[in-house]
C-alpha atoms as a PDB file:
ATOM      1  CA  UNK A   1      -6.610 -73.733   0.677  1.00  0.00           C
ATOM      2  CA  UNK A   2      -4.898 -72.567   4.218  1.00  0.00           C
ATOM      3  CA  UNK A   3      -4.160 -69.386   4.771  1.00  0.00           C
ATOM      4  CA  UNK A   4      -2.693 -66.665   7.210  1.00  0.00           C
ATOM      5  CA  UNK A   5      -5.264 -63.450   7.042  1.00  0.00           C
ATOM      6  CA  UNK A   6      -4.214 -60.071   8.830  1.00  0.00           C
ATOM      7  CA  UNK A   7      -7.289 -57.864  10.168  1.00  0.00           C
ATOM      8  CA  UNK A   8      -6.229 -54.355   8.816  1.00  0.00           C
ATOM      9  CA  UNK A   9      -8.787 -52.392  11.610  1.00  0.00           C
ATOM     10  CA  UNK A  10      -7.990 -54.635  14.888  1.00  0.00           C
ATOM     11  CA  UNK A  11      -4.479 -56.271  13.800  1.00  0.00           C
ATOM     12  CA  UNK A  12      -5.454 -59.807  14.539  1.00  0.00           C
ATOM     13  CA  UNK A  13      -3.976 -62.593  12.835  1.00  0.00           C
ATOM     14  CA  UNK A  14      -6.066 -65.623  11.954  1.00  0.00           C
ATOM     15  CA  UNK A  15      -5.808 -68.805  10.128  1.00  0.00           C
ATOM     16  CA  UNK A  16      -8.803 -69.852   8.017  1.00  0.00           C
ATOM     17  CA  UNK A  17      -9.548 -72.393   5.296  1.00  0.00           C
ATOM     18  CA  UNK A  18     -11.056 -71.857   2.163  1.00  0.00           C
ATOM     19  CA  UNK A  19     -13.109 -74.374  -0.352  1.00  0.00           C
ATOM     20  CA  UNK A  20     -11.806 -74.468  -4.013  1.00  0.00           C
ATOM     21  CA  UNK A  21     -13.655 -71.887  -6.082  1.00  0.00           C
ATOM     22  CA  UNK A  22     -14.715 -70.083  -3.204  1.00  0.00           C
ATOM     23  CA  UNK A  23     -15.004 -66.276  -3.899  1.00  0.00           C
ATOM     24  CA  UNK A  24     -13.683 -63.883  -1.655  1.00  0.00           C
ATOM     25  CA  UNK A  25     -14.789 -60.003  -1.600  1.00  0.00           C
ATOM     26  CA  UNK A  26     -12.036 -57.598  -2.878  1.00  0.00           C
ATOM     27  CA  UNK A  27     -11.045 -54.839  -0.457  1.00  0.00           C
ATOM     28  CA  UNK A  28      -8.810 -52.135  -1.995  1.00  0.00           C
ATOM     29  CA  UNK A  29      -6.660 -50.237   0.516  1.00  0.00           C
ATOM     30  CA  UNK A  30      -4.532 -47.024  -0.059  1.00  0.00           C
ATOM     31  CA  UNK A  31      -1.275 -45.697   1.968  1.00  0.00           C
ATOM     32  CA  UNK A  32      -1.083 -42.263   1.701  1.00  0.00           C
ATOM     33  CA  UNK A  33       1.278 -39.618   3.573  1.00  0.00           C
ATOM     34  CA  UNK A  34      -0.556 -37.226   6.023  1.00  0.00           C
ATOM     35  CA  UNK A  35       1.206 -34.417   7.775  1.00  0.00           C
ATOM     36  CA  UNK A  36       0.433 -33.863  11.548  1.00  0.00           C
ATOM     37  CA  UNK A  37      -1.068 -30.553  12.434  1.00  0.00           C
ATOM     38  CA  UNK A  38      -2.148 -30.148  16.045  1.00  0.00           C
ATOM     39  CA  UNK A  39      -4.460 -32.118  18.711  1.00  0.00           C
ATOM     40  CA  UNK A  40      -7.589 -31.225  20.081  1.00  0.00           C
ATOM     41  CA  UNK A  41      -8.500 -33.402  22.810  1.00  0.00           C
ATOM     42  CA  UNK A  42      -8.379 -37.210  21.452  1.00  0.00           C
ATOM     43  CA  UNK A  43      -8.661 -35.923  18.094  1.00  0.00           C
ATOM     44  CA  UNK A  44      -5.721 -35.229  15.783  1.00  0.00           C
ATOM     45  CA  UNK A  45      -5.717 -33.084  12.902  1.00  0.00           C
ATOM     46  CA  UNK A  46      -3.703 -34.031   9.479  1.00  0.00           C
ATOM     47  CA  UNK A  47      -2.916 -32.677   6.533  1.00  0.00           C
ATOM     48  CA  UNK A  48      -3.330 -34.817   3.572  1.00  0.00           C
ATOM     49  CA  UNK A  49      -0.080 -34.169   1.399  1.00  0.00           C
ATOM     50  CA  UNK A  50      -1.796 -34.646  -1.969  1.00  0.00           C
ATOM     51  CA  UNK A  51      -5.548 -32.882  -1.783  1.00  0.00           C
ATOM     52  CA  UNK A  52      -4.412 -30.457   1.481  1.00  0.00           C
ATOM     53  CA  UNK A  53      -7.678 -31.312   3.034  1.00  0.00           C
ATOM     54  CA  UNK A  54      -7.904 -31.432   6.972  1.00  0.00           C
ATOM     55  CA  UNK A  55      -8.369 -34.716   7.862  1.00  0.00           C
ATOM     56  CA  UNK A  56      -9.183 -35.787  11.718  1.00  0.00           C
ATOM     57  CA  UNK A  57      -8.110 -39.191  13.005  1.00  0.00           C
ATOM     58  CA  UNK A  58      -8.904 -40.544  16.529  1.00  0.00           C
ATOM     59  CA  UNK A  59      -5.771 -41.026  18.887  1.00  0.00           C
ATOM     60  CA  UNK A  60      -6.174 -44.604  19.210  1.00  0.00           C
ATOM     61  CA  UNK A  61      -6.020 -45.628  15.378  1.00  0.00           C
ATOM     62  CA  UNK A  62      -2.429 -44.250  15.356  1.00  0.00           C
ATOM     63  CA  UNK A  63       0.743 -46.250  16.276  1.00  0.00           C
ATOM     64  CA  UNK A  64       3.556 -44.406  17.737  1.00  0.00           C
ATOM     65  CA  UNK A  65       1.168 -41.537  18.730  1.00  0.00           C
ATOM     66  CA  UNK A  66       3.250 -40.602  22.084  1.00  0.00           C
ATOM     67  CA  UNK A  67       6.212 -40.165  19.895  1.00  0.00           C
ATOM     68  CA  UNK A  68       4.496 -37.634  17.149  1.00  0.00           C
ATOM     69  CA  UNK A  69       5.413 -34.094  17.001  1.00  0.00           C
ATOM     70  CA  UNK A  70       4.205 -31.021  14.975  1.00  0.00           C
ATOM     71  CA  UNK A  71       4.827 -31.603  11.126  1.00  0.00           C
ATOM     72  CA  UNK A  72       5.519 -35.604  11.512  1.00  0.00           C
ATOM     73  CA  UNK A  73       4.413 -37.336   8.365  1.00  0.00           C
ATOM     74  CA  UNK A  74       2.372 -40.289   9.139  1.00  0.00           C
ATOM     75  CA  UNK A  75       1.247 -42.970   6.471  1.00  0.00           C
ATOM     76  CA  UNK A  76      -2.275 -43.374   6.760  1.00  0.00           C
ATOM     77  CA  UNK A  77      -3.664 -46.673   5.445  1.00  0.00           C
ATOM     78  CA  UNK A  78      -7.711 -46.055   4.234  1.00  0.00           C
ATOM     79  CA  UNK A  79     -10.284 -48.396   2.588  1.00  0.00           C
ATOM     80  CA  UNK A  80     -10.410 -46.953  -1.037  1.00  0.00           C
ATOM     81  CA  UNK A  81     -14.152 -47.467  -1.762  1.00  0.00           C
ATOM     82  CA  UNK A  82     -15.481 -45.730   1.763  1.00  0.00           C
ATOM     83  CA  UNK A  83     -12.604 -43.501   2.386  1.00  0.00           C
ATOM     84  CA  UNK A  84     -12.713 -44.818   6.023  1.00  0.00           C
ATOM     85  CA  UNK A  85      -9.513 -44.740   7.855  1.00  0.00           C
ATOM     86  CA  UNK A  86      -8.138 -48.083   9.027  1.00  0.00           C
ATOM     87  CA  UNK A  87      -4.879 -47.075  10.931  1.00  0.00           C
ATOM     88  CA  UNK A  88      -2.008 -44.845  10.693  1.00  0.00           C
ATOM     89  CA  UNK A  89       1.639 -45.401  11.489  1.00  0.00           C
ATOM     90  CA  UNK A  90       4.447 -43.178  12.537  1.00  0.00           C
ATOM     91  CA  UNK A  91       7.737 -44.014  10.742  1.00  0.00           C
ATOM     92  CA  UNK A  92       9.818 -46.671  12.988  1.00  0.00           C
ATOM     93  CA  UNK A  93      12.753 -44.443  14.036  1.00  0.00           C
ATOM     94  CA  UNK A  94      11.876 -40.746  14.906  1.00  0.00           C
ATOM     95  CA  UNK A  95      14.515 -38.034  16.363  1.00  0.00           C
ATOM     96  CA  UNK A  96      13.479 -36.517  19.503  1.00  0.00           C
ATOM     97  CA  UNK A  97      15.264 -33.951  21.762  1.00  0.00           C
ATOM     98  CA  UNK A  98      15.778 -35.055  25.875  1.00  0.00           C
ATOM     99  CA  UNK A  99      13.828 -32.142  27.639  1.00  0.00           C
ATOM    100  CA  UNK A 100      14.377 -33.771  31.177  1.00  0.00           C
ATOM    101  CA  UNK A 101      16.871 -36.743  32.631  1.00  0.00           C
ATOM    102  CA  UNK A 102      18.882 -36.873  35.794  1.00  0.00           C
ATOM    103  CA  UNK A 103      22.445 -36.589  35.334  1.00  0.00           C
ATOM    104  CA  UNK A 104      24.350 -40.019  35.204  1.00  0.00           C
ATOM    105  CA  UNK A 105      26.843 -41.223  37.595  1.00  0.00           C
ATOM    106  CA  UNK A 106      30.148 -41.541  36.278  1.00  0.00           C
ATOM    107  CA  UNK A 107      31.816 -44.916  36.221  1.00  0.00           C
ATOM    108  CA  UNK A 108      28.466 -46.859  36.561  1.00  0.00           C
ATOM    109  CA  UNK A 109      28.574 -48.346  33.070  1.00  0.00           C
ATOM    110  CA  UNK A 110      29.642 -52.174  33.898  1.00  0.00           C
ATOM    111  CA  UNK A 111      26.066 -53.069  33.588  1.00  0.00           C
ATOM    112  CA  UNK A 112      24.097 -52.049  30.763  1.00  0.00           C
ATOM    113  CA  UNK A 113      22.197 -49.481  32.986  1.00  0.00           C
ATOM    114  CA  UNK A 114      19.568 -46.935  32.031  1.00  0.00           C
ATOM    115  CA  UNK A 115      17.564 -44.034  33.528  1.00  0.00           C
ATOM    116  CA  UNK A 116      14.237 -42.163  32.764  1.00  0.00           C
ATOM    117  CA  UNK A 117      14.508 -39.366  29.871  1.00  0.00           C
ATOM    118  CA  UNK A 118      11.334 -37.136  29.046  1.00  0.00           C
ATOM    119  CA  UNK A 119      11.487 -36.280  25.212  1.00  0.00           C
ATOM    120  CA  UNK A 120       9.638 -32.862  23.494  1.00  0.00           C
ATOM    121  CA  UNK A 121       6.493 -34.882  22.938  1.00  0.00           C
ATOM    122  CA  UNK A 122       5.896 -35.574  26.962  1.00  0.00           C
ATOM    123  CA  UNK A 123       6.619 -39.250  26.566  1.00  0.00           C
ATOM    124  CA  UNK A 124       9.087 -41.085  28.714  1.00  0.00           C
ATOM    125  CA  UNK A 125      12.041 -43.182  27.416  1.00  0.00           C
ATOM    126  CA  UNK A 126      14.535 -45.455  29.166  1.00  0.00           C
ATOM    127  CA  UNK A 127      18.099 -44.170  27.696  1.00  0.00           C
ATOM    128  CA  UNK A 128      21.758 -45.051  28.880  1.00  0.00           C
ATOM    129  CA  UNK A 129      23.547 -43.226  31.633  1.00  0.00           C
ATOM    130  CA  UNK A 130      25.620 -40.978  29.292  1.00  0.00           C
ATOM    131  CA  UNK A 131      22.619 -39.288  27.834  1.00  0.00           C
ATOM    132  CA  UNK A 132      21.950 -35.804  28.852  1.00  0.00           C
ATOM    133  CA  UNK A 133      19.254 -32.998  28.591  1.00  0.00           C
ATOM    134  CA  UNK A 134      19.072 -31.291  25.352  1.00  0.00           C
ATOM    135  CA  UNK A 135      20.367 -34.237  23.301  1.00  0.00           C
ATOM    136  CA  UNK A 136      18.994 -35.511  20.504  1.00  0.00           C
ATOM    137  CA  UNK A 137      18.247 -39.532  20.685  1.00  0.00           C
ATOM    138  CA  UNK A 138      16.556 -41.696  17.881  1.00  0.00           C
ATOM    139  CA  UNK A 139      13.527 -43.768  19.484  1.00  0.00           C
ATOM    140  CA  UNK A 140      11.790 -46.872  18.125  1.00  0.00           C
ATOM    141  CA  UNK A 141       8.034 -45.659  17.921  1.00  0.00           C
ATOM    142  CA  UNK A 142       6.542 -49.309  17.994  1.00  0.00           C
ATOM    143  CA  UNK A 143       7.734 -50.053  21.429  1.00  0.00           C
ATOM    144  CA  UNK A 144       9.283 -46.591  22.739  1.00  0.00           C
ATOM    145  CA  UNK A 145      12.962 -47.764  22.980  1.00  0.00           C
ATOM    146  CA  UNK A 146      15.941 -45.972  22.573  1.00  0.00           C
ATOM    147  CA  UNK A 147      17.836 -46.574  19.711  1.00  0.00           C
ATOM    148  CA  UNK A 148      20.536 -44.521  19.509  1.00  0.00           C
ATOM    149  CA  UNK A 149      21.950 -41.095  19.548  1.00  0.00           C
ATOM    150  CA  UNK A 150      21.035 -38.739  16.635  1.00  0.00           C
ATOM    151  CA  UNK A 151      23.750 -37.469  14.517  1.00  0.00           C
END
């Protein structure tokens, strides 16, 4: 039997062949919502939404960590047997306030021109020229791209 597998820890995708009758070990993973509390160096503190326990997760285990602000909810995937946290994911889109950007030039919209903008989390996002300081924008947390103005 030919299969495609994804390593939940590293994210690598690999193809494997298994013989008929070969037994595989079952691994149960659980996905739970956690609320971001605060950062302490490279460790981030989260509040389990079900048990209200404080959980520390390393920064490198979280996708979209540069766009995370206080009280954001992330999905944490953990091994059900050992309670080891495998990774955490931000929602695909998040709304952030632009804290700094250069003013756009009028009439320079013939091309799909963009400019850098700093958002409230300190991350930099490329935005269209019509976006100004103080506006709310939607950002794709997977790649840090501008989606649209928030309503």
